[in-house]
Amino acid sequence: MTAEEAGTAARMFKALGDPVRLRLFSAVASHEGGEACVCDISDVGVSQPTVSHHLKKLKEAGLLTSERRGTWVYYRVQPSVLAAMGKPLALPTAA
């Protein structure tokens, strides 16, 4: 793993170190169609402004992308994220 890859992975894991962010990320990742409206995932025990703050942090870490449609924002897991997150956890294969 290169230093750049380690830095990217560390930012992702740090963002997921917060329980609310982890719940939001999981809700988006497991939502039908791979996309979730903020209106469908905001029931995580905190206020709506706090949900928006955490979603912004997940976007800044490169974990989510978003698209505004009318008054709602829809979130998706960044396509390369799951592979990038799995890379530092993968065991080396025997030759």
Protein backbone atom coordinates (compact mmCIF):
# COMPACT_ATOMS: atom_id res chain seq x y z
CA MET A 1 0.00 0.00 0.00
CA THR A 2 1.36 3.38 -0.96
CA ALA A 3 1.40 6.40 1.34
CA GLU A 4 -1.31 8.03 -0.79
CA GLU A 5 -3.54 4.94 -0.60
CA ALA A 6 -3.03 4.79 3.16
CA GLY A 7 -3.99 8.47 3.50
CA THR A 8 -7.16 7.95 1.46
CA ALA A 9 -8.15 4.86 3.46
CA ALA A 10 -7.43 6.63 6.77
CA ARG A 11 -9.75 9.54 5.82
CA MET A 12 -12.51 7.09 4.94
CA PHE A 13 -12.16 5.07 8.12
CA LYS A 14 -11.92 8.21 10.24
CA ALA A 15 -15.20 9.49 8.75
CA LEU A 16 -16.84 6.16 9.54
CA GLY A 17 -15.52 6.27 13.12
CA ASP A 18 -18.60 8.22 14.20
CA PRO A 19 -21.63 6.00 14.95
CA VAL A 20 -24.11 8.36 13.26
CA ARG A 21 -21.99 8.54 10.10
CA LEU A 22 -21.60 4.78 10.08
CA ARG A 23 -25.38 4.36 10.32
CA LEU A 24 -25.97 6.89 7.54
CA PHE A 25 -23.36 5.28 5.29
CA SER A 26 -24.88 1.86 5.93
CA ALA A 27 -28.37 3.17 5.18
CA VAL A 28 -27.26 4.58 1.83
CA ALA A 29 -25.19 1.51 0.90
CA SER A 30 -28.01 -0.91 1.69
CA HIS A 31 -30.87 1.15 0.28
CA GLU A 32 -32.81 -0.34 -2.60
CA GLY A 33 -31.38 0.80 -5.91
CA GLY A 34 -28.11 1.89 -4.30
CA GLU A 35 -29.40 5.40 -3.77
CA ALA A 36 -31.21 7.02 -0.86
CA CYS A 37 -33.08 10.27 -0.45
CA VAL A 38 -32.12 12.19 2.66
CA CYS A 39 -35.81 12.01 3.58
CA ASP A 40 -35.51 8.19 3.80
CA ILE A 41 -32.36 7.97 5.93
CA SER A 42 -32.66 10.83 8.40
CA ASP A 43 -34.09 8.78 11.28
CA VAL A 44 -30.82 8.13 13.11
CA GLY A 45 -31.64 9.79 16.42
CA VAL A 46 -30.27 13.25 15.71
CA SER A 47 -31.74 16.47 14.30
CA GLN A 48 -31.97 17.12 10.56
CA PRO A 49 -29.20 19.77 10.63
CA THR A 50 -26.94 17.22 12.34
CA VAL A 51 -27.79 14.61 9.70
CA SER A 52 -26.84 17.13 7.00
CA HIS A 53 -23.55 17.86 8.79
CA HIS A 54 -22.66 14.15 8.94
CA LEU A 55 -23.61 13.56 5.31
CA LYS A 56 -21.38 16.48 4.33
CA LYS A 57 -18.48 14.90 6.23
CA LEU A 58 -19.06 11.58 4.43
CA LYS A 59 -18.98 13.43 1.09
CA GLU A 60 -15.80 15.28 2.04
CA ALA A 61 -14.15 11.95 2.88
CA GLY A 62 -15.03 10.71 -0.61
CA LEU A 63 -17.48 8.08 0.64
CA LEU A 64 -20.69 9.48 -0.86
CA THR A 65 -21.82 11.46 -3.87
CA SER A 66 -25.03 13.44 -4.00
CA GLU A 67 -27.48 14.89 -6.46
CA ARG A 68 -30.19 17.47 -5.76
CA ARG A 69 -33.57 16.76 -7.32
CA GLY A 70 -36.05 19.49 -6.53
CA THR A 71 -36.06 19.99 -2.77
CA TRP A 72 -34.48 16.61 -1.92
CA VAL A 73 -30.89 15.41 -2.05
CA TYR A 74 -30.16 11.82 -3.07
CA TYR A 75 -27.00 10.05 -1.93
CA ARG A 76 -25.02 7.15 -3.41
CA VAL A 77 -21.92 5.36 -2.24
CA GLN A 78 -18.97 6.52 -4.34
CA PRO A 79 -18.41 3.59 -6.78
CA SER A 80 -14.75 2.97 -5.94
CA VAL A 81 -15.19 3.25 -2.17
CA LEU A 82 -15.99 -0.32 -1.21
CA ALA A 83 -13.00 -1.69 -3.12
CA ALA A 84 -10.72 0.99 -1.67
CA MET A 85 -11.94 0.25 1.86
CA GLY A 86 -11.37 -3.46 1.43
CA LYS A 87 -7.84 -3.11 0.13
CA PRO A 88 -6.10 -2.37 3.47
CA LEU A 89 -8.05 -5.21 5.09
CA ALA A 90 -7.21 -7.83 2.47
CA LEU A 91 -4.86 -10.58 3.49
CA PRO A 92 -1.92 -11.23 1.18
CA THR A 93 -2.38 -14.28 -0.99
CA ALA A 94 0.13 -17.10 -0.93
CA ALA A 95 2.09 -17.58 -4.14
